[in-house]
Amino acid sequence: MNKNGVKGYIGGNTLMEMTIAFHYKKPIYIYCDISEDLQIKEEVYGLKSKFIKGDLSKIKLG
């Protein structure tokens, strides 16, 4: 989503929540692409996030 004029913005608090999910081996889904200008993009990629590009059918349950 867009925030602060940045397309695909992910903030620090969300990154912290993603880190906890990664620690507990939970899948991390990101709804839309993130901006290449995002300062924490390498951290987001490092958490093995799955980019679903708005397609909720890509989320596997169970």
N, C-alpha and C. Protein backbone atom coordinates (compact mmCIF):
# COMPACT_ATOMS: atom_id res chain seq x y z
N MET A 1 0.83 -1.17 0.00
CA MET A 1 0.00 0.00 0.00
C MET A 1 0.88 1.24 0.00
N ASN A 2 0.27 2.37 -0.25
CA ASN A 2 1.03 3.61 -0.31
C ASN A 2 0.93 4.38 1.00
N LYS A 3 2.05 4.94 1.42
CA LYS A 3 2.07 5.77 2.62
C LYS A 3 3.28 6.69 2.53
N ASN A 4 3.12 7.88 3.02
CA ASN A 4 4.21 8.86 3.01
C ASN A 4 4.79 9.08 1.62
N GLY A 5 3.95 8.93 0.60
CA GLY A 5 4.40 9.14 -0.77
C GLY A 5 5.25 8.00 -1.33
N VAL A 6 5.29 6.87 -0.63
CA VAL A 6 6.10 5.73 -1.08
C VAL A 6 5.16 4.59 -1.45
N LYS A 7 5.25 4.14 -2.70
CA LYS A 7 4.44 3.01 -3.16
C LYS A 7 4.99 1.73 -2.54
N GLY A 8 4.09 0.89 -2.02
CA GLY A 8 4.53 -0.36 -1.41
C GLY A 8 5.26 -0.16 -0.10
N TYR A 9 4.84 0.82 0.67
CA TYR A 9 5.50 1.17 1.93
C TYR A 9 5.32 0.08 2.99
N ILE A 10 6.40 -0.25 3.66
CA ILE A 10 6.37 -1.10 4.85
C ILE A 10 7.16 -0.37 5.92
N GLY A 11 6.54 -0.18 7.07
CA GLY A 11 7.19 0.57 8.14
C GLY A 11 7.94 -0.33 9.11
N GLY A 12 8.60 0.31 10.04
CA GLY A 12 9.42 -0.38 11.03
C GLY A 12 8.64 -1.35 11.90
N ASN A 13 7.44 -0.95 12.34
CA ASN A 13 6.64 -1.85 13.18
C ASN A 13 6.23 -3.10 12.43
N THR A 14 5.85 -2.93 11.18
CA THR A 14 5.48 -4.10 10.36
C THR A 14 6.68 -5.01 10.16
N LEU A 15 7.84 -4.41 9.93
CA LEU A 15 9.05 -5.22 9.78
C LEU A 15 9.33 -6.03 11.04
N MET A 16 9.10 -5.43 12.21
CA MET A 16 9.31 -6.16 13.46
C MET A 16 8.34 -7.34 13.57
N GLU A 17 7.09 -7.14 13.17
CA GLU A 17 6.12 -8.23 13.20
C GLU A 17 6.50 -9.34 12.21
N MET A 18 7.02 -8.94 11.06
CA MET A 18 7.46 -9.92 10.07
C MET A 18 8.64 -10.73 10.61
N THR A 19 9.52 -10.08 11.36
CA THR A 19 10.67 -10.76 11.94
C THR A 19 10.23 -11.82 12.95
N ILE A 20 9.23 -11.50 13.76
CA ILE A 20 8.70 -12.48 14.71
C ILE A 20 8.09 -13.67 13.95
N ALA A 21 7.33 -13.39 12.90
CA ALA A 21 6.74 -14.46 12.09
C ALA A 21 7.84 -15.35 11.49
N PHE A 22 8.90 -14.73 11.01
CA PHE A 22 10.03 -15.47 10.44
C PHE A 22 10.66 -16.37 11.51
N HIS A 23 10.84 -15.83 12.70
CA HIS A 23 11.44 -16.59 13.80
C HIS A 23 10.61 -17.84 14.11
N TYR A 24 9.30 -17.70 14.08
CA TYR A 24 8.41 -18.83 14.37
C TYR A 24 8.06 -19.64 13.13
N LYS A 25 8.80 -19.40 12.05
CA LYS A 25 8.64 -20.16 10.80
C LYS A 25 7.23 -20.08 10.22
N LYS A 26 6.64 -18.91 10.31
CA LYS A 26 5.32 -18.64 9.74
C LYS A 26 5.52 -18.02 8.35
N PRO A 27 4.66 -18.35 7.40
CA PRO A 27 4.79 -17.72 6.08
C PRO A 27 4.48 -16.23 6.16
N ILE A 28 5.19 -15.46 5.37
CA ILE A 28 4.99 -14.01 5.32
C ILE A 28 4.54 -13.67 3.91
N TYR A 29 3.33 -13.17 3.79
CA TYR A 29 2.78 -12.79 2.50
C TYR A 29 2.73 -11.27 2.40
N ILE A 30 3.15 -10.76 1.27
CA ILE A 30 3.08 -9.32 1.01
C ILE A 30 2.14 -9.11 -0.17
N TYR A 31 1.13 -8.29 0.06
CA TYR A 31 0.02 -8.12 -0.88
C TYR A 31 0.45 -7.50 -2.21
N CYS A 32 1.31 -6.51 -2.17
CA CYS A 32 1.74 -5.85 -3.41
C CYS A 32 3.26 -5.66 -3.38
N ASP A 33 3.81 -5.34 -4.52
CA ASP A 33 5.26 -5.12 -4.60
C ASP A 33 5.67 -3.94 -3.73
N ILE A 34 6.90 -3.99 -3.25
CA ILE A 34 7.42 -2.88 -2.47
C ILE A 34 8.28 -2.00 -3.36
N SER A 35 8.45 -0.78 -2.93
CA SER A 35 9.24 0.19 -3.69
C SER A 35 10.72 -0.16 -3.63
N GLU A 36 11.41 0.01 -4.72
CA GLU A 36 12.86 -0.16 -4.72
C GLU A 36 13.54 0.92 -3.89
N ASP A 37 12.81 2.01 -3.60
CA ASP A 37 13.35 3.10 -2.78
C ASP A 37 13.16 2.85 -1.29
N LEU A 38 12.46 1.80 -0.92
CA LEU A 38 12.20 1.51 0.48
C LEU A 38 13.51 1.19 1.19
N GLN A 39 13.78 1.89 2.28
CA GLN A 39 15.06 1.74 2.97
C GLN A 39 15.26 0.36 3.57
N ILE A 40 14.20 -0.35 3.87
CA ILE A 40 14.32 -1.67 4.50
C ILE A 40 14.03 -2.81 3.54
N LYS A 41 14.14 -2.57 2.24
CA LYS A 41 13.77 -3.60 1.26
C LYS A 41 14.63 -4.86 1.38
N GLU A 42 15.92 -4.71 1.65
CA GLU A 42 16.78 -5.89 1.78
C GLU A 42 16.36 -6.76 2.95
N GLU A 43 15.93 -6.13 4.04
CA GLU A 43 15.45 -6.88 5.19
C GLU A 43 14.17 -7.63 4.85
N VAL A 44 13.28 -6.98 4.11
CA VAL A 44 12.03 -7.63 3.70
C VAL A 44 12.33 -8.84 2.82
N TYR A 45 13.23 -8.69 1.86
CA TYR A 45 13.61 -9.81 1.00
C TYR A 45 14.29 -10.92 1.81
N GLY A 46 15.09 -10.54 2.79
CA GLY A 46 15.81 -11.50 3.61
C GLY A 46 14.92 -12.37 4.47
N LEU A 47 13.70 -11.93 4.71
CA LEU A 47 12.75 -12.70 5.52
C LEU A 47 11.99 -13.73 4.68
N LYS A 48 12.40 -13.90 3.44
CA LYS A 48 11.80 -14.89 2.53
C LYS A 48 10.30 -14.65 2.35
N SER A 49 9.95 -13.39 2.20
CA SER A 49 8.56 -12.99 2.01
C SER A 49 8.04 -13.49 0.67
N LYS A 50 6.76 -13.83 0.64
CA LYS A 50 6.11 -14.25 -0.61
C LYS A 50 5.25 -13.10 -1.10
N PHE A 51 5.55 -12.62 -2.29
CA PHE A 51 4.80 -11.52 -2.88
C PHE A 51 3.65 -12.09 -3.69
N ILE A 52 2.41 -11.78 -3.29
CA ILE A 52 1.25 -12.38 -3.95
C ILE A 52 0.60 -11.45 -4.97
N LYS A 53 1.05 -10.22 -5.06
CA LYS A 53 0.60 -9.24 -6.07
C LYS A 53 -0.92 -9.17 -6.17
N GLY A 54 -1.58 -9.13 -5.02
CA GLY A 54 -3.03 -8.95 -4.98
C GLY A 54 -3.84 -10.22 -5.21
N ASP A 55 -3.19 -11.35 -5.43
CA ASP A 55 -3.88 -12.61 -5.70
C ASP A 55 -3.96 -13.44 -4.42
N LEU A 56 -5.08 -13.31 -3.71
CA LEU A 56 -5.24 -14.00 -2.43
C LEU A 56 -5.28 -15.52 -2.57
N SER A 57 -5.52 -16.03 -3.77
CA SER A 57 -5.53 -17.48 -3.97
C SER A 57 -4.13 -18.09 -3.80
N LYS A 58 -3.10 -17.26 -3.79
CA LYS A 58 -1.74 -17.74 -3.60
C LYS A 58 -1.43 -18.06 -2.13
N ILE A 59 -2.35 -17.72 -1.24
CA ILE A 59 -2.16 -18.02 0.18
C ILE A 59 -2.67 -19.43 0.44
N LYS A 60 -1.78 -20.28 0.89
CA LYS A 60 -2.12 -21.68 1.16
C LYS A 60 -2.47 -21.83 2.63
N LEU A 61 -3.64 -22.36 2.91
CA LEU A 61 -4.10 -22.56 4.28
C LEU A 61 -3.96 -24.03 4.66
N GLY A 62 -3.70 -24.25 5.94
CA GLY A 62 -3.69 -25.60 6.47
C GLY A 62 -2.43 -26.28 6.25
